[in-house]
Amino acid sequence: MKTNPPASLPATRVRTLIVDDEPVARRGVRLLLERDPGVEIIGEAAGGAEAAELIKRDKPDLVFLDVQMPGCDGFETLSKVGAEAAPAVVFITAYDEHALRAFEVNAVDYLLKPYDDARFSAALQRAKLAVRQREAEAVNRRLTQLLEYLHQDPTRSAPTKEELPSDRILLKSSGEIFFLKADEIDWIEAEGDYMKFHVAGRTHLMRETMARLEARLDPKRFIRIHRSTIVNIDRLRKLSPSFAGEYAVVLHDGTKLKLSRGYQERIGALLKQAL
């Protein structure tokens, strides 16, 4: 077993483990990885059982994993690690019959020996992207859990998102995480599987359903005016006649939004409260 000493390198580097029973093959992978400054090689293993222990102990982001190894092959290695603890994996093998099984276990890529530098580089870039996506999703989950905790009523058991309106919305946009205050939102529209938030001339997307999002928003602050539109009540300026007895909702910035007949009663109730 060969492991590197702890390195004082930036946390943004992808911590990578090399696993292959052939020393020459491990050296080839190492030389190619060392060309990329975004990679930190944390160790090598010559067998599957050894690799499983290193993965559990050192928790690499990425593993270049040989399939055919005596005693414990690459698939058995991942089985020993378990799905929850498994890192991103690029399988390496001289036998293409393992390709389908590799992707069945969600491998990032599959390198068939002999491969050239360009093919290796493509696999590495794909793997780095997969690692970053995992990290972003993990941060997203942790921040969501934090927000849910901060909003909990200490006299009750932990409420669900649907039970408690949130004053902040967690958004991931262009690789960044935003804590969006509810009063910053102008209006929200459905766009496929996403909700598009309109905020001071900018837009942000969040994967969510309209029904679940509406349940999370404070009904005293937001009102649904269409099956695909929610508006911040404070942004409402006026109702403007449209056609065939319908109305358009006009916001302070001049944005015009359709008021669906099915939601006119909500607006009517809101106007009565204001009188």
C-alpha atoms as a PDB file:
ATOM      1  CA  MET A   1       0.000   0.000   0.000  1.00  0.00           C
ATOM      2  CA  LYS A   2       1.255   3.427  -0.897  1.00  0.00           C
ATOM      3  CA  THR A   3      -0.293   6.551   0.600  1.00  0.00           C
ATOM      4  CA  ASN A   4       0.757  10.142   0.474  1.00  0.00           C
ATOM      5  CA  PRO A   5       1.296  12.261   3.582  1.00  0.00           C
ATOM      6  CA  PRO A   6      -1.464  14.775   4.388  1.00  0.00           C
ATOM      7  CA  ALA A   7      -1.140  17.633   1.948  1.00  0.00           C
ATOM      8  CA  SER A   8      -1.763  21.309   2.637  1.00  0.00           C
ATOM      9  CA  LEU A   9      -3.451  21.779  -0.717  1.00  0.00           C
ATOM     10  CA  PRO A  10      -6.595  23.752  -1.491  1.00  0.00           C
ATOM     11  CA  ALA A  11      -9.801  21.918  -0.588  1.00  0.00           C
ATOM     12  CA  THR A  12     -11.071  22.545  -4.102  1.00  0.00           C
ATOM     13  CA  ARG A  13      -8.757  19.889  -5.533  1.00  0.00           C
ATOM     14  CA  VAL A  14     -10.357  16.542  -6.334  1.00  0.00           C
ATOM     15  CA  ARG A  15      -8.931  13.957  -3.928  1.00  0.00           C
ATOM     16  CA  THR A  16      -8.219  10.894  -6.029  1.00  0.00           C
ATOM     17  CA  LEU A  17      -7.271   7.277  -5.339  1.00  0.00           C
ATOM     18  CA  ILE A  18      -5.642   4.981  -7.937  1.00  0.00           C
ATOM     19  CA  VAL A  19      -6.471   1.257  -7.787  1.00  0.00           C
ATOM     20  CA  ASP A  20      -4.849  -1.332 -10.058  1.00  0.00           C
ATOM     21  CA  ASP A  21      -2.984  -4.573  -9.376  1.00  0.00           C
ATOM     22  CA  GLU A  22      -0.355  -3.696 -11.994  1.00  0.00           C
ATOM     23  CA  PRO A  23       2.328  -1.190 -10.851  1.00  0.00           C
ATOM     24  CA  VAL A  24       2.941  -0.019 -14.429  1.00  0.00           C
ATOM     25  CA  ALA A  25      -0.752   0.735 -14.887  1.00  0.00           C
ATOM     26  CA  ARG A  26      -0.898   2.679 -11.606  1.00  0.00           C
ATOM     27  CA  ARG A  27       2.130   4.708 -12.639  1.00  0.00           C
ATOM     28  CA  GLY A  28       0.527   5.516 -15.998  1.00  0.00           C
ATOM     29  CA  VAL A  29      -2.623   6.815 -14.326  1.00  0.00           C
ATOM     30  CA  ARG A  30      -0.573   8.796 -11.815  1.00  0.00           C
ATOM     31  CA  LEU A  31       1.474  10.507 -14.537  1.00  0.00           C
ATOM     32  CA  LEU A  32      -1.678  11.566 -16.369  1.00  0.00           C
ATOM     33  CA  LEU A  33      -3.372  12.792 -13.196  1.00  0.00           C
ATOM     34  CA  GLU A  34      -0.323  14.799 -12.157  1.00  0.00           C
ATOM     35  CA  ARG A  35      -0.754  16.960 -15.247  1.00  0.00           C
ATOM     36  CA  ASP A  36      -3.981  18.364 -13.804  1.00  0.00           C
ATOM     37  CA  PRO A  37      -3.483  20.920 -10.994  1.00  0.00           C
ATOM     38  CA  GLY A  38      -7.082  20.369  -9.921  1.00  0.00           C
ATOM     39  CA  VAL A  39      -6.322  16.814  -8.793  1.00  0.00           C
ATOM     40  CA  GLU A  40      -4.723  15.661  -5.538  1.00  0.00           C
ATOM     41  CA  ILE A  41      -3.584  12.027  -5.566  1.00  0.00           C
ATOM     42  CA  ILE A  42      -4.142  10.759  -2.019  1.00  0.00           C
ATOM     43  CA  GLY A  43      -2.889   7.217  -2.520  1.00  0.00           C
ATOM     44  CA  GLU A  44      -2.691   3.964  -4.447  1.00  0.00           C
ATOM     45  CA  ALA A  45      -3.915   0.435  -3.856  1.00  0.00           C
ATOM     46  CA  ALA A  46      -2.909  -2.813  -5.552  1.00  0.00           C
ATOM     47  CA  GLY A  47      -6.037  -4.791  -4.655  1.00  0.00           C
ATOM     48  CA  GLY A  48      -9.768  -4.468  -4.098  1.00  0.00           C
ATOM     49  CA  ALA A  49      -9.865  -5.264  -0.385  1.00  0.00           C
ATOM     50  CA  GLU A  50      -7.077  -2.769   0.285  1.00  0.00           C
ATOM     51  CA  ALA A  51      -8.861  -0.186  -1.854  1.00  0.00           C
ATOM     52  CA  ALA A  52     -12.125  -0.629   0.045  1.00  0.00           C
ATOM     53  CA  GLU A  53     -10.344   0.065   3.348  1.00  0.00           C
ATOM     54  CA  LEU A  54      -8.655   3.165   1.923  1.00  0.00           C
ATOM     55  CA  ILE A  55     -11.945   4.477   0.547  1.00  0.00           C
ATOM     56  CA  LYS A  56     -13.656   4.013   3.916  1.00  0.00           C
ATOM     57  CA  ARG A  57     -10.757   5.612   5.776  1.00  0.00           C
ATOM     58  CA  ASP A  58      -9.674   8.452   3.489  1.00  0.00           C
ATOM     59  CA  LYS A  59     -12.991   9.178   1.727  1.00  0.00           C
ATOM     60  CA  PRO A  60     -11.623  10.179  -1.700  1.00  0.00           C
ATOM     61  CA  ASP A  61     -13.768  12.192  -4.087  1.00  0.00           C
ATOM     62  CA  LEU A  62     -12.769  10.074  -7.058  1.00  0.00           C
ATOM     63  CA  VAL A  63     -11.320   6.607  -7.703  1.00  0.00           C
ATOM     64  CA  PHE A  64      -9.736   5.274 -10.875  1.00  0.00           C
ATOM     65  CA  LEU A  65     -10.583   1.619 -10.351  1.00  0.00           C
ATOM     66  CA  ASP A  66      -9.345  -1.432 -12.251  1.00  0.00           C
ATOM     67  CA  VAL A  67     -12.051  -4.029 -12.826  1.00  0.00           C
ATOM     68  CA  GLN A  68      -9.977  -7.199 -13.125  1.00  0.00           C
ATOM     69  CA  MET A  69      -7.992  -7.746  -9.911  1.00  0.00           C
ATOM     70  CA  PRO A  70      -7.226 -11.044  -8.157  1.00  0.00           C
ATOM     71  CA  GLY A  71      -9.178 -11.792  -5.011  1.00  0.00           C
ATOM     72  CA  CYS A  72     -11.522  -8.815  -5.144  1.00  0.00           C
ATOM     73  CA  ASP A  73     -12.445  -7.113  -8.395  1.00  0.00           C
ATOM     74  CA  GLY A  74     -13.610  -3.528  -8.874  1.00  0.00           C
ATOM     75  CA  PHE A  75     -17.308  -4.324  -8.473  1.00  0.00           C
ATOM     76  CA  GLU A  76     -16.697  -6.271  -5.269  1.00  0.00           C
ATOM     77  CA  THR A  77     -14.629  -3.345  -4.015  1.00  0.00           C
ATOM     78  CA  LEU A  78     -17.604  -1.002  -4.357  1.00  0.00           C
ATOM     79  CA  SER A  79     -19.849  -3.596  -2.742  1.00  0.00           C
ATOM     80  CA  LYS A  80     -17.566  -3.636   0.307  1.00  0.00           C
ATOM     81  CA  VAL A  81     -17.637   0.159   0.484  1.00  0.00           C
ATOM     82  CA  GLY A  82     -21.411   0.481   0.142  1.00  0.00           C
ATOM     83  CA  ALA A  83     -23.458   2.831  -2.010  1.00  0.00           C
ATOM     84  CA  GLU A  84     -23.637   5.631   0.548  1.00  0.00           C
ATOM     85  CA  ALA A  85     -19.860   5.861   0.987  1.00  0.00           C
ATOM     86  CA  ALA A  86     -18.880   5.202  -2.626  1.00  0.00           C
ATOM     87  CA  PRO A  87     -16.978   8.023  -4.369  1.00  0.00           C
ATOM     88  CA  ALA A  88     -17.214   8.924  -8.044  1.00  0.00           C
ATOM     89  CA  VAL A  89     -15.653   6.070 -10.032  1.00  0.00           C
ATOM     90  CA  VAL A  90     -13.906   5.726 -13.370  1.00  0.00           C
ATOM     91  CA  PHE A  91     -13.445   2.056 -14.206  1.00  0.00           C
ATOM     92  CA  ILE A  92     -10.355   0.925 -16.095  1.00  0.00           C
ATOM     93  CA  THR A  93     -10.133  -2.480 -17.776  1.00  0.00           C
ATOM     94  CA  ALA A  94      -8.903  -4.327 -20.819  1.00  0.00           C
ATOM     95  CA  TYR A  95     -12.247  -6.114 -21.225  1.00  0.00           C
ATOM     96  CA  ASP A  96     -15.203  -4.322 -22.766  1.00  0.00           C
ATOM     97  CA  GLU A  97     -17.767  -6.882 -21.553  1.00  0.00           C
ATOM     98  CA  HIS A  98     -17.783  -5.134 -18.176  1.00  0.00           C
ATOM     99  CA  ALA A  99     -18.949  -1.804 -19.607  1.00  0.00           C
ATOM    100  CA  LEU A 100     -22.677  -2.320 -19.130  1.00  0.00           C
ATOM    101  CA  ARG A 101     -22.275  -3.462 -15.547  1.00  0.00           C
ATOM    102  CA  ALA A 102     -20.015  -0.484 -14.853  1.00  0.00           C
ATOM    103  CA  PHE A 103     -22.720   1.964 -15.819  1.00  0.00           C
ATOM    104  CA  GLU A 104     -25.326  -0.025 -13.920  1.00  0.00           C
ATOM    105  CA  VAL A 105     -23.403   0.870 -10.762  1.00  0.00           C
ATOM    106  CA  ASN A 106     -23.348   4.533 -11.830  1.00  0.00           C
ATOM    107  CA  ALA A 107     -19.721   4.745 -12.904  1.00  0.00           C
ATOM    108  CA  VAL A 108     -18.780   8.185 -14.218  1.00  0.00           C
ATOM    109  CA  ASP A 109     -16.850   6.665 -17.117  1.00  0.00           C
ATOM    110  CA  TYR A 110     -15.260   3.476 -18.408  1.00  0.00           C
ATOM    111  CA  LEU A 111     -11.724   3.485 -19.817  1.00  0.00           C
ATOM    112  CA  LEU A 112     -10.860   0.561 -22.059  1.00  0.00           C
ATOM    113  CA  LYS A 113      -7.146  -0.286 -22.219  1.00  0.00           C
ATOM    114  CA  PRO A 114      -5.210   0.830 -24.125  1.00  0.00           C
ATOM    115  CA  TYR A 115      -6.524   4.397 -24.018  1.00  0.00           C
ATOM    116  CA  ASP A 116      -4.830   7.561 -25.224  1.00  0.00           C
ATOM    117  CA  ASP A 117      -4.209  10.815 -23.347  1.00  0.00           C
ATOM    118  CA  ALA A 118      -7.210  12.546 -24.915  1.00  0.00           C
ATOM    119  CA  ARG A 119      -9.597   9.788 -23.858  1.00  0.00           C
ATOM    120  CA  PHE A 120      -8.203   9.822 -20.321  1.00  0.00           C
ATOM    121  CA  SER A 121      -8.503  13.604 -20.141  1.00  0.00           C
ATOM    122  CA  ALA A 122     -12.150  13.450 -21.242  1.00  0.00           C
ATOM    123  CA  ALA A 123     -12.901  10.875 -18.543  1.00  0.00           C
ATOM    124  CA  LEU A 124     -11.132  12.962 -15.918  1.00  0.00           C
ATOM    125  CA  GLN A 125     -13.035  16.118 -16.828  1.00  0.00           C
ATOM    126  CA  ARG A 126     -16.321  14.230 -16.697  1.00  0.00           C
ATOM    127  CA  ALA A 127     -15.388  12.819 -13.307  1.00  0.00           C
ATOM    128  CA  LYS A 128     -14.400  16.232 -11.916  1.00  0.00           C
ATOM    129  CA  LEU A 129     -17.748  17.625 -13.011  1.00  0.00           C
ATOM    130  CA  ALA A 130     -19.551  14.744 -11.308  1.00  0.00           C
ATOM    131  CA  VAL A 131     -17.618  15.384  -8.088  1.00  0.00           C
ATOM    132  CA  ARG A 132     -18.491  19.095  -8.126  1.00  0.00           C
ATOM    133  CA  GLN A 133     -22.158  18.302  -8.710  1.00  0.00           C
ATOM    134  CA  ARG A 134     -22.107  15.918  -5.766  1.00  0.00           C
ATOM    135  CA  GLU A 135     -20.510  18.572  -3.581  1.00  0.00           C
ATOM    136  CA  ALA A 136     -23.065  21.185  -4.610  1.00  0.00           C
ATOM    137  CA  GLU A 137     -25.924  18.788  -3.910  1.00  0.00           C
ATOM    138  CA  ALA A 138     -24.441  17.939  -0.517  1.00  0.00           C
ATOM    139  CA  VAL A 139     -24.104  21.629   0.357  1.00  0.00           C
ATOM    140  CA  ASN A 140     -27.653  22.191  -0.833  1.00  0.00           C
ATOM    141  CA  ARG A 141     -28.959  19.415   1.415  1.00  0.00           C
ATOM    142  CA  ARG A 142     -27.020  20.663   4.432  1.00  0.00           C
ATOM    143  CA  LEU A 143     -28.181  24.241   3.971  1.00  0.00           C
ATOM    144  CA  THR A 144     -31.773  23.121   3.509  1.00  0.00           C
ATOM    145  CA  GLN A 145     -31.558  21.118   6.725  1.00  0.00           C
ATOM    146  CA  LEU A 146     -30.067  24.137   8.475  1.00  0.00           C
ATOM    147  CA  LEU A 147     -32.889  26.400   7.323  1.00  0.00           C
ATOM    148  CA  GLU A 148     -35.497  23.880   8.372  1.00  0.00           C
ATOM    149  CA  TYR A 149     -33.872  23.648  11.789  1.00  0.00           C
ATOM    150  CA  LEU A 150     -33.741  27.433  12.191  1.00  0.00           C
ATOM    151  CA  HIS A 151     -37.438  27.658  11.382  1.00  0.00           C
ATOM    152  CA  GLN A 152     -38.508  25.009  13.836  1.00  0.00           C
ATOM    153  CA  ASP A 153     -40.836  25.902  16.688  1.00  0.00           C
ATOM    154  CA  PRO A 154     -38.989  24.740  19.836  1.00  0.00           C
ATOM    155  CA  THR A 155     -42.321  23.718  21.427  1.00  0.00           C
ATOM    156  CA  ARG A 156     -43.111  21.291  18.602  1.00  0.00           C
ATOM    157  CA  SER A 157     -41.494  18.356  16.932  1.00  0.00           C
ATOM    158  CA  ALA A 158     -39.621  19.174  13.740  1.00  0.00           C
ATOM    159  CA  PRO A 159     -42.155  20.514  11.205  1.00  0.00           C
ATOM    160  CA  THR A 160     -42.134  19.626   7.545  1.00  0.00           C
ATOM    161  CA  LYS A 161     -41.566  22.166   4.794  1.00  0.00           C
ATOM    162  CA  GLU A 162     -45.274  22.039   3.991  1.00  0.00           C
ATOM    163  CA  GLU A 163     -46.273  22.805   7.590  1.00  0.00           C
ATOM    164  CA  LEU A 164     -44.187  25.902   8.043  1.00  0.00           C
ATOM    165  CA  PRO A 165     -43.871  28.862   5.642  1.00  0.00           C
ATOM    166  CA  SER A 166     -40.263  29.837   5.068  1.00  0.00           C
ATOM    167  CA  ASP A 167     -38.972  33.402   5.186  1.00  0.00           C
ATOM    168  CA  ARG A 168     -35.946  32.375   3.131  1.00  0.00           C
ATOM    169  CA  ILE A 169     -35.633  30.298  -0.005  1.00  0.00           C
ATOM    170  CA  LEU A 170     -32.475  28.361  -0.771  1.00  0.00           C
ATOM    171  CA  LEU A 171     -31.516  28.606  -4.445  1.00  0.00           C
ATOM    172  CA  LYS A 172     -28.632  27.210  -6.466  1.00  0.00           C
ATOM    173  CA  SER A 173     -27.933  29.241  -9.603  1.00  0.00           C
ATOM    174  CA  SER A 174     -24.869  29.286 -11.893  1.00  0.00           C
ATOM    175  CA  GLY A 175     -22.866  27.283  -9.377  1.00  0.00           C
ATOM    176  CA  GLU A 176     -23.698  29.612  -6.474  1.00  0.00           C
ATOM    177  CA  ILE A 177     -25.922  29.128  -3.435  1.00  0.00           C
ATOM    178  CA  PHE A 178     -28.339  31.973  -2.661  1.00  0.00           C
ATOM    179  CA  PHE A 179     -30.249  32.631   0.537  1.00  0.00           C
ATOM    180  CA  LEU A 180     -33.157  34.540  -0.943  1.00  0.00           C
ATOM    181  CA  LYS A 181     -35.338  36.538   1.423  1.00  0.00           C
ATOM    182  CA  ALA A 182     -39.036  36.220   0.716  1.00  0.00           C
ATOM    183  CA  ASP A 183     -39.510  39.983   0.488  1.00  0.00           C
ATOM    184  CA  GLU A 184     -36.884  40.133  -2.293  1.00  0.00           C
ATOM    185  CA  ILE A 185     -39.008  38.008  -4.629  1.00  0.00           C
ATOM    186  CA  ASP A 186     -41.140  39.867  -7.183  1.00  0.00           C
ATOM    187  CA  TRP A 187     -42.948  36.906  -8.705  1.00  0.00           C
ATOM    188  CA  ILE A 188     -42.489  33.224  -9.502  1.00  0.00           C
ATOM    189  CA  GLU A 189     -43.462  31.221 -12.558  1.00  0.00           C
ATOM    190  CA  ALA A 190     -43.407  27.530 -13.406  1.00  0.00           C
ATOM    191  CA  GLU A 191     -41.000  26.509 -16.138  1.00  0.00           C
ATOM    192  CA  GLY A 192     -41.045  22.784 -16.819  1.00  0.00           C
ATOM    193  CA  ASP A 193     -39.794  20.948 -13.738  1.00  0.00           C
ATOM    194  CA  TYR A 194     -38.431  24.196 -12.276  1.00  0.00           C
ATOM    195  CA  MET A 195     -39.677  27.328 -10.568  1.00  0.00           C
ATOM    196  CA  LYS A 196     -38.281  30.570 -11.979  1.00  0.00           C
ATOM    197  CA  PHE A 197     -37.852  33.315  -9.375  1.00  0.00           C
ATOM    198  CA  HIS A 198     -37.908  36.914 -10.625  1.00  0.00           C
ATOM    199  CA  VAL A 199     -35.812  39.059  -8.292  1.00  0.00           C
ATOM    200  CA  ALA A 200     -34.976  42.704  -9.067  1.00  0.00           C
ATOM    201  CA  GLY A 201     -34.532  42.067 -12.775  1.00  0.00           C
ATOM    202  CA  ARG A 202     -32.668  38.773 -12.337  1.00  0.00           C
ATOM    203  CA  THR A 203     -33.983  35.219 -12.527  1.00  0.00           C
ATOM    204  CA  HIS A 204     -33.062  32.088 -10.596  1.00  0.00           C
ATOM    205  CA  LEU A 205     -34.223  28.500 -11.106  1.00  0.00           C
ATOM    206  CA  MET A 206     -35.064  25.932  -8.457  1.00  0.00           C
ATOM    207  CA  ARG A 207     -36.226  22.368  -9.084  1.00  0.00           C
ATOM    208  CA  GLU A 208     -39.563  22.219  -7.282  1.00  0.00           C
ATOM    209  CA  THR A 209     -43.279  21.816  -7.941  1.00  0.00           C
ATOM    210  CA  MET A 210     -45.665  24.743  -7.792  1.00  0.00           C
ATOM    211  CA  ALA A 211     -47.825  23.062  -5.145  1.00  0.00           C
ATOM    212  CA  ARG A 212     -44.919  22.327  -2.808  1.00  0.00           C
ATOM    213  CA  LEU A 213     -43.472  25.800  -3.237  1.00  0.00           C
ATOM    214  CA  GLU A 214     -46.814  27.485  -2.588  1.00  0.00           C
ATOM    215  CA  ALA A 215     -47.153  25.480   0.635  1.00  0.00           C
ATOM    216  CA  ARG A 216     -43.763  26.780   1.803  1.00  0.00           C
ATOM    217  CA  LEU A 217     -44.551  30.444   1.129  1.00  0.00           C
ATOM    218  CA  ASP A 218     -46.343  32.733   3.567  1.00  0.00           C
ATOM    219  CA  PRO A 219     -49.934  33.179   2.272  1.00  0.00           C
ATOM    220  CA  LYS A 220     -50.015  36.646   3.838  1.00  0.00           C
ATOM    221  CA  ARG A 221     -47.149  37.660   1.554  1.00  0.00           C
ATOM    222  CA  PHE A 222     -47.669  35.633  -1.631  1.00  0.00           C
ATOM    223  CA  ILE A 223     -50.751  34.954  -3.715  1.00  0.00           C
ATOM    224  CA  ARG A 224     -51.265  32.563  -6.584  1.00  0.00           C
ATOM    225  CA  ILE A 225     -52.930  34.208  -9.596  1.00  0.00           C
ATOM    226  CA  HIS A 226     -52.564  31.431 -12.147  1.00  0.00           C
ATOM    227  CA  ARG A 227     -51.778  27.719 -12.122  1.00  0.00           C
ATOM    228  CA  SER A 228     -48.206  28.643 -13.065  1.00  0.00           C
ATOM    229  CA  THR A 229     -47.752  32.045 -11.361  1.00  0.00           C
ATOM    230  CA  ILE A 230     -47.279  33.270  -7.785  1.00  0.00           C
ATOM    231  CA  VAL A 231     -46.906  36.975  -6.984  1.00  0.00           C
ATOM    232  CA  ASN A 232     -45.504  38.883  -4.022  1.00  0.00           C
ATOM    233  CA  ILE A 233     -48.507  40.857  -2.739  1.00  0.00           C
ATOM    234  CA  ASP A 234     -46.313  43.890  -2.013  1.00  0.00           C
ATOM    235  CA  ARG A 235     -45.432  44.078  -5.720  1.00  0.00           C
ATOM    236  CA  LEU A 236     -49.064  44.385  -6.864  1.00  0.00           C
ATOM    237  CA  ARG A 237     -49.888  47.766  -8.384  1.00  0.00           C
ATOM    238  CA  LYS A 238     -53.264  47.334 -10.079  1.00  0.00           C
ATOM    239  CA  LEU A 239     -55.648  45.080 -11.952  1.00  0.00           C
ATOM    240  CA  SER A 240     -56.008  45.940 -15.600  1.00  0.00           C
ATOM    241  CA  PRO A 241     -58.954  44.753 -17.767  1.00  0.00           C
ATOM    242  CA  SER A 242     -57.713  42.331 -20.379  1.00  0.00           C
ATOM    243  CA  PHE A 243     -60.357  40.734 -22.617  1.00  0.00           C
ATOM    244  CA  ALA A 244     -63.556  38.704 -22.297  1.00  0.00           C
ATOM    245  CA  GLY A 245     -64.024  39.923 -18.743  1.00  0.00           C
ATOM    246  CA  GLU A 246     -60.568  38.793 -17.627  1.00  0.00           C
ATOM    247  CA  TYR A 247     -57.930  40.881 -15.884  1.00  0.00           C
ATOM    248  CA  ALA A 248     -54.176  41.227 -15.888  1.00  0.00           C
ATOM    249  CA  VAL A 249     -52.180  41.807 -12.737  1.00  0.00           C
ATOM    250  CA  VAL A 250     -49.776  44.725 -13.113  1.00  0.00           C
ATOM    251  CA  LEU A 251     -46.719  44.909 -10.851  1.00  0.00           C
ATOM    252  CA  HIS A 252     -44.885  48.048  -9.741  1.00  0.00           C
ATOM    253  CA  ASP A 253     -42.153  47.478 -12.334  1.00  0.00           C
ATOM    254  CA  GLY A 254     -44.748  47.327 -15.126  1.00  0.00           C
ATOM    255  CA  THR A 255     -44.753  43.556 -15.507  1.00  0.00           C
ATOM    256  CA  LYS A 256     -48.143  42.284 -16.700  1.00  0.00           C
ATOM    257  CA  LEU A 257     -49.280  38.839 -15.594  1.00  0.00           C
ATOM    258  CA  LYS A 258     -52.417  36.950 -16.484  1.00  0.00           C
ATOM    259  CA  LEU A 259     -55.006  36.551 -13.738  1.00  0.00           C
ATOM    260  CA  SER A 260     -56.718  33.222 -14.242  1.00  0.00           C
ATOM    261  CA  ARG A 261     -60.489  33.071 -13.663  1.00  0.00           C
ATOM    262  CA  GLY A 262     -59.994  30.293 -11.150  1.00  0.00           C
ATOM    263  CA  TYR A 263     -57.922  32.568  -8.918  1.00  0.00           C
ATOM    264  CA  GLN A 264     -59.957  35.789  -9.164  1.00  0.00           C
ATOM    265  CA  GLU A 265     -61.673  35.074  -5.857  1.00  0.00           C
ATOM    266  CA  ARG A 266     -58.305  35.198  -4.095  1.00  0.00           C
ATOM    267  CA  ILE A 267     -57.586  38.625  -5.494  1.00  0.00           C
ATOM    268  CA  GLY A 268     -61.109  39.725  -4.616  1.00  0.00           C
ATOM    269  CA  ALA A 269     -60.640  38.593  -1.018  1.00  0.00           C
ATOM    270  CA  LEU A 270     -57.347  40.458  -0.881  1.00  0.00           C
ATOM    271  CA  LEU A 271     -58.971  43.668  -2.122  1.00  0.00           C
ATOM    272  CA  LYS A 272     -61.748  43.391   0.482  1.00  0.00           C
ATOM    273  CA  GLN A 273     -59.125  43.132   3.216  1.00  0.00           C
ATOM    274  CA  ALA A 274     -57.496  46.310   1.918  1.00  0.00           C
ATOM    275  CA  LEU A 275     -60.756  48.307   1.974  1.00  0.00           C
END
